[in-house]
Amino acid sequence: MKHYPPEFKADAVALYQSRPEATIRSVAADLGVNPETLRNWVRGAGASRLRSGAGGRPA
């Protein structure tokens, strides 16, 4: 199992949050990490972002 420094994890989460058009899969590929790894970091950081059209408010 690979271990990543906390700074790298925080930067990866920040990058994901700063790119609303990007998916976890695409950001993970850019960084060379497994998408599930990035997903866990995002969840662990309590990070979320709203996606238009995905689970929006009821009409």
PDB file of N, CA and C in Angstrom:
ATOM      1  N   MET A   1       0.839  -1.178   0.000  1.00  0.00           N
ATOM      2  CA  MET A   1       0.000   0.000   0.000  1.00  0.00           C
ATOM      3  C   MET A   1       0.885   1.244   0.000  1.00  0.00           C
ATOM      4  N   LYS A   2       0.527   2.200  -0.848  1.00  0.00           N
ATOM      5  CA  LYS A   2       1.269   3.447  -0.932  1.00  0.00           C
ATOM      6  C   LYS A   2       0.828   4.389   0.171  1.00  0.00           C
ATOM      7  N   HIS A   3       1.762   5.120   0.717  1.00  0.00           N
ATOM      8  CA  HIS A   3       1.444   6.139   1.712  1.00  0.00           C
ATOM      9  C   HIS A   3       1.752   7.505   1.120  1.00  0.00           C
ATOM     10  N   TYR A   4       0.788   8.413   1.249  1.00  0.00           N
ATOM     11  CA  TYR A   4       0.948   9.750   0.698  1.00  0.00           C
ATOM     12  C   TYR A   4       1.048  10.752   1.841  1.00  0.00           C
ATOM     13  N   PRO A   5       1.873  11.777   1.698  1.00  0.00           N
ATOM     14  CA  PRO A   5       1.981  12.798   2.742  1.00  0.00           C
ATOM     15  C   PRO A   5       0.660  13.548   2.907  1.00  0.00           C
ATOM     16  N   PRO A   6       0.369  13.994   4.110  1.00  0.00           N
ATOM     17  CA  PRO A   6      -0.884  14.740   4.346  1.00  0.00           C
ATOM     18  C   PRO A   6      -1.037  15.954   3.434  1.00  0.00           C
ATOM     19  N   GLU A   7       0.072  16.606   3.112  1.00  0.00           N
ATOM     20  CA  GLU A   7       0.011  17.783   2.236  1.00  0.00           C
ATOM     21  C   GLU A   7      -0.479  17.401   0.841  1.00  0.00           C
ATOM     22  N   PHE A   8      -0.024  16.244   0.354  1.00  0.00           N
ATOM     23  CA  PHE A   8      -0.453  15.773  -0.961  1.00  0.00           C
ATOM     24  C   PHE A   8      -1.948  15.481  -0.952  1.00  0.00           C
ATOM     25  N   LYS A   9      -2.413  14.828   0.107  1.00  0.00           N
ATOM     26  CA  LYS A   9      -3.841  14.511   0.218  1.00  0.00           C
ATOM     27  C   LYS A   9      -4.675  15.782   0.233  1.00  0.00           C
ATOM     28  N   ALA A  10      -4.246  16.758   1.050  1.00  0.00           N
ATOM     29  CA  ALA A  10      -4.986  18.022   1.146  1.00  0.00           C
ATOM     30  C   ALA A  10      -4.994  18.752  -0.193  1.00  0.00           C
ATOM     31  N   ASP A  11      -3.859  18.747  -0.875  1.00  0.00           N
ATOM     32  CA  ASP A  11      -3.790  19.400  -2.192  1.00  0.00           C
ATOM     33  C   ASP A  11      -4.669  18.690  -3.207  1.00  0.00           C
ATOM     34  N   ALA A  12      -4.725  17.364  -3.132  1.00  0.00           N
ATOM     35  CA  ALA A  12      -5.555  16.598  -4.062  1.00  0.00           C
ATOM     36  C   ALA A  12      -7.033  16.919  -3.849  1.00  0.00           C
ATOM     37  N   VAL A  13      -7.454  17.000  -2.589  1.00  0.00           N
ATOM     38  CA  VAL A  13      -8.848  17.343  -2.277  1.00  0.00           C
ATOM     39  C   VAL A  13      -9.143  18.761  -2.756  1.00  0.00           C
ATOM     40  N   ALA A  14      -8.222  19.683  -2.501  1.00  0.00           N
ATOM     41  CA  ALA A  14      -8.414  21.069  -2.932  1.00  0.00           C
ATOM     42  C   ALA A  14      -8.509  21.163  -4.456  1.00  0.00           C
ATOM     43  N   LEU A  15      -7.694  20.387  -5.148  1.00  0.00           N
ATOM     44  CA  LEU A  15      -7.742  20.387  -6.609  1.00  0.00           C
ATOM     45  C   LEU A  15      -9.095  19.887  -7.099  1.00  0.00           C
ATOM     46  N   TYR A  16      -9.575  18.814  -6.508  1.00  0.00           N
ATOM     47  CA  TYR A  16     -10.891  18.280  -6.891  1.00  0.00           C
ATOM     48  C   TYR A  16     -11.976  19.329  -6.663  1.00  0.00           C
ATOM     49  N   GLN A  17     -11.917  19.995  -5.527  1.00  0.00           N
ATOM     50  CA  GLN A  17     -12.936  20.998  -5.219  1.00  0.00           C
ATOM     51  C   GLN A  17     -12.848  22.210  -6.138  1.00  0.00           C
ATOM     52  N   SER A  18     -11.654  22.520  -6.613  1.00  0.00           N
ATOM     53  CA  SER A  18     -11.468  23.708  -7.447  1.00  0.00           C
ATOM     54  C   SER A  18     -11.853  23.482  -8.906  1.00  0.00           C
ATOM     55  N   ARG A  19     -12.122  22.235  -9.253  1.00  0.00           N
ATOM     56  CA  ARG A  19     -12.462  21.913 -10.641  1.00  0.00           C
ATOM     57  C   ARG A  19     -13.857  21.305 -10.720  1.00  0.00           C
ATOM     58  N   PRO A  20     -14.896  22.136 -10.657  1.00  0.00           N
ATOM     59  CA  PRO A  20     -16.266  21.605 -10.623  1.00  0.00           C
ATOM     60  C   PRO A  20     -16.655  20.789 -11.849  1.00  0.00           C
ATOM     61  N   GLU A  21     -15.966  20.977 -12.951  1.00  0.00           N
ATOM     62  CA  GLU A  21     -16.297  20.218 -14.158  1.00  0.00           C
ATOM     63  C   GLU A  21     -15.639  18.843 -14.174  1.00  0.00           C
ATOM     64  N   ALA A  22     -14.684  18.627 -13.292  1.00  0.00           N
ATOM     65  CA  ALA A  22     -13.914  17.380 -13.296  1.00  0.00           C
ATOM     66  C   ALA A  22     -14.549  16.331 -12.392  1.00  0.00           C
ATOM     67  N   THR A  23     -14.323  15.084 -12.741  1.00  0.00           N
ATOM     68  CA  THR A  23     -14.789  13.972 -11.918  1.00  0.00           C
ATOM     69  C   THR A  23     -13.646  13.517 -11.008  1.00  0.00           C
ATOM     70  N   ILE A  24     -14.006  12.752  -9.990  1.00  0.00           N
ATOM     71  CA  ILE A  24     -12.972  12.177  -9.132  1.00  0.00           C
ATOM     72  C   ILE A  24     -12.037  11.328  -9.981  1.00  0.00           C
ATOM     73  N   ARG A  25     -12.590  10.574 -10.897  1.00  0.00           N
ATOM     74  CA  ARG A  25     -11.779   9.707 -11.757  1.00  0.00           C
ATOM     75  C   ARG A  25     -10.765  10.521 -12.565  1.00  0.00           C
ATOM     76  N   SER A  26     -11.186  11.645 -13.126  1.00  0.00           N
ATOM     77  CA  SER A  26     -10.265  12.430 -13.951  1.00  0.00           C
ATOM     78  C   SER A  26      -9.181  13.105 -13.116  1.00  0.00           C
ATOM     79  N   VAL A  27      -9.548  13.610 -11.948  1.00  0.00           N
ATOM     80  CA  VAL A  27      -8.550  14.233 -11.069  1.00  0.00           C
ATOM     81  C   VAL A  27      -7.565  13.177 -10.576  1.00  0.00           C
ATOM     82  N   ALA A  28      -8.080  12.022 -10.196  1.00  0.00           N
ATOM     83  CA  ALA A  28      -7.212  10.934  -9.740  1.00  0.00           C
ATOM     84  C   ALA A  28      -6.230  10.529 -10.840  1.00  0.00           C
ATOM     85  N   ALA A  29      -6.707  10.449 -12.069  1.00  0.00           N
ATOM     86  CA  ALA A  29      -5.827  10.093 -13.190  1.00  0.00           C
ATOM     87  C   ALA A  29      -4.748  11.153 -13.382  1.00  0.00           C
ATOM     88  N   ASP A  30      -5.123  12.412 -13.260  1.00  0.00           N
ATOM     89  CA  ASP A  30      -4.148  13.497 -13.392  1.00  0.00           C
ATOM     90  C   ASP A  30      -3.054  13.391 -12.327  1.00  0.00           C
ATOM     91  N   LEU A  31      -3.440  12.940 -11.135  1.00  0.00           N
ATOM     92  CA  LEU A  31      -2.499  12.853 -10.016  1.00  0.00           C
ATOM     93  C   LEU A  31      -1.788  11.501  -9.930  1.00  0.00           C
ATOM     94  N   GLY A  32      -2.274  10.522 -10.686  1.00  0.00           N
ATOM     95  CA  GLY A  32      -1.668   9.197 -10.655  1.00  0.00           C
ATOM     96  C   GLY A  32      -2.036   8.394  -9.418  1.00  0.00           C
ATOM     97  N   VAL A  33      -3.253   8.645  -8.899  1.00  0.00           N
ATOM     98  CA  VAL A  33      -3.723   7.878  -7.745  1.00  0.00           C
ATOM     99  C   VAL A  33      -4.994   7.125  -8.120  1.00  0.00           C
ATOM    100  N   ASN A  34      -5.320   6.115  -7.353  1.00  0.00           N
ATOM    101  CA  ASN A  34      -6.531   5.342  -7.573  1.00  0.00           C
ATOM    102  C   ASN A  34      -7.750   6.229  -7.276  1.00  0.00           C
ATOM    103  N   PRO A  35      -8.772   6.180  -8.114  1.00  0.00           N
ATOM    104  CA  PRO A  35      -9.967   6.999  -7.865  1.00  0.00           C
ATOM    105  C   PRO A  35     -10.607   6.750  -6.502  1.00  0.00           C
ATOM    106  N   GLU A  36     -10.602   5.510  -6.040  1.00  0.00           N
ATOM    107  CA  GLU A  36     -11.188   5.223  -4.724  1.00  0.00           C
ATOM    108  C   GLU A  36     -10.362   5.845  -3.603  1.00  0.00           C
ATOM    109  N   THR A  37      -9.070   5.936  -3.818  1.00  0.00           N
ATOM    110  CA  THR A  37      -8.209   6.591  -2.838  1.00  0.00           C
ATOM    111  C   THR A  37      -8.579   8.059  -2.727  1.00  0.00           C
ATOM    112  N   LEU A  38      -8.700   8.728  -3.863  1.00  0.00           N
ATOM    113  CA  LEU A  38      -9.088  10.144  -3.850  1.00  0.00           C
ATOM    114  C   LEU A  38     -10.479  10.312  -3.256  1.00  0.00           C
ATOM    115  N   ARG A  39     -11.400   9.423  -3.606  1.00  0.00           N
ATOM    116  CA  ARG A  39     -12.754   9.498  -3.064  1.00  0.00           C
ATOM    117  C   ARG A  39     -12.732   9.413  -1.534  1.00  0.00           C
ATOM    118  N   ASN A  40     -11.900   8.528  -0.997  1.00  0.00           N
ATOM    119  CA  ASN A  40     -11.784   8.403   0.453  1.00  0.00           C
ATOM    120  C   ASN A  40     -11.214   9.671   1.081  1.00  0.00           C
ATOM    121  N   TRP A  41     -10.238  10.283   0.414  1.00  0.00           N
ATOM    122  CA  TRP A  41      -9.668  11.522   0.936  1.00  0.00           C
ATOM    123  C   TRP A  41     -10.713  12.635   0.953  1.00  0.00           C
ATOM    124  N   VAL A  42     -11.501  12.716  -0.112  1.00  0.00           N
ATOM    125  CA  VAL A  42     -12.540  13.746  -0.194  1.00  0.00           C
ATOM    126  C   VAL A  42     -13.569  13.535   0.915  1.00  0.00           C
ATOM    127  N   ARG A  43     -14.006  12.302   1.097  1.00  0.00           N
ATOM    128  CA  ARG A  43     -14.962  11.998   2.167  1.00  0.00           C
ATOM    129  C   ARG A  43     -14.361  12.280   3.531  1.00  0.00           C
ATOM    130  N   GLY A  44     -13.110  11.875   3.737  1.00  0.00           N
ATOM    131  CA  GLY A  44     -12.439  12.075   5.015  1.00  0.00           C
ATOM    132  C   GLY A  44     -12.265  13.537   5.363  1.00  0.00           C
ATOM    133  N   ALA A  45     -12.122  14.363   4.342  1.00  0.00           N
ATOM    134  CA  ALA A  45     -11.962  15.798   4.560  1.00  0.00           C
ATOM    135  C   ALA A  45     -13.309  16.479   4.771  1.00  0.00           C
ATOM    136  N   GLY A  46     -14.386  15.713   4.610  1.00  0.00           N
ATOM    137  CA  GLY A  46     -15.719  16.298   4.741  1.00  0.00           C
ATOM    138  C   GLY A  46     -16.047  17.215   3.585  1.00  0.00           C
ATOM    139  N   ALA A  47     -15.301  17.052   2.504  1.00  0.00           N
ATOM    140  CA  ALA A  47     -15.493  17.906   1.339  1.00  0.00           C
ATOM    141  C   ALA A  47     -16.658  17.406   0.506  1.00  0.00           C
ATOM    142  N   SER A  48     -17.358  18.331  -0.037  1.00  0.00           N
ATOM    143  CA  SER A  48     -18.420  17.991  -0.980  1.00  0.00           C
ATOM    144  C   SER A  48     -18.584  19.177  -1.913  1.00  0.00           C
ATOM    145  N   ARG A  49     -19.213  18.931  -3.006  1.00  0.00           N
ATOM    146  CA  ARG A  49     -19.548  20.029  -3.905  1.00  0.00           C
ATOM    147  C   ARG A  49     -20.843  19.682  -4.584  1.00  0.00           C
ATOM    148  N   LEU A  50     -21.580  20.686  -4.882  1.00  0.00           N
ATOM    149  CA  LEU A  50     -22.876  20.473  -5.511  1.00  0.00           C
ATOM    150  C   LEU A  50     -22.681  20.212  -6.987  1.00  0.00           C
ATOM    151  N   ARG A  51     -23.389  19.259  -7.486  1.00  0.00           N
ATOM    152  CA  ARG A  51     -23.372  18.947  -8.903  1.00  0.00           C
ATOM    153  C   ARG A  51     -24.721  19.361  -9.484  1.00  0.00           C
ATOM    154  N   SER A  52     -24.710  20.155 -10.508  1.00  0.00           N
ATOM    155  CA  SER A  52     -25.964  20.575 -11.117  1.00  0.00           C
ATOM    156  C   SER A  52     -26.645  19.372 -11.763  1.00  0.00           C
ATOM    157  N   GLY A  53     -27.939  19.251 -11.496  1.00  0.00           N
ATOM    158  CA  GLY A  53     -28.705  18.169 -12.087  1.00  0.00           C
ATOM    159  C   GLY A  53     -28.598  16.851 -11.359  1.00  0.00           C
ATOM    160  N   ALA A  54     -27.746  16.746 -10.375  1.00  0.00           N
ATOM    161  CA  ALA A  54     -27.593  15.480  -9.648  1.00  0.00           C
ATOM    162  C   ALA A  54     -28.151  15.633  -8.243  1.00  0.00           C
ATOM    163  N   GLY A  55     -29.317  15.108  -8.035  1.00  0.00           N
ATOM    164  CA  GLY A  55     -29.912  15.181  -6.712  1.00  0.00           C
ATOM    165  C   GLY A  55     -30.292  16.590  -6.315  1.00  0.00           C
ATOM    166  N   GLY A  56     -30.736  17.348  -7.290  1.00  0.00           N
ATOM    167  CA  GLY A  56     -31.110  18.738  -7.007  1.00  0.00           C
ATOM    168  C   GLY A  56     -32.331  18.831  -6.127  1.00  0.00           C
ATOM    169  N   ARG A  57     -32.735  20.047  -5.886  1.00  0.00           N
ATOM    170  CA  ARG A  57     -33.915  20.285  -5.046  1.00  0.00           C
ATOM    171  C   ARG A  57     -35.176  19.805  -5.731  1.00  0.00           C
ATOM    172  N   PRO A  58     -36.137  19.330  -4.931  1.00  0.00           N
ATOM    173  CA  PRO A  58     -37.424  18.919  -5.539  1.00  0.00           C
ATOM    174  C   PRO A  58     -38.148  20.116  -6.126  1.00  0.00           C
ATOM    175  N   ALA A  59     -38.890  19.890  -7.174  1.00  0.00           N
ATOM    176  CA  ALA A  59     -39.602  20.967  -7.851  1.00  0.00           C
ATOM    177  C   ALA A  59     -40.845  21.382  -7.124  1.00  0.00           C
TER     178      ALA A  59
END
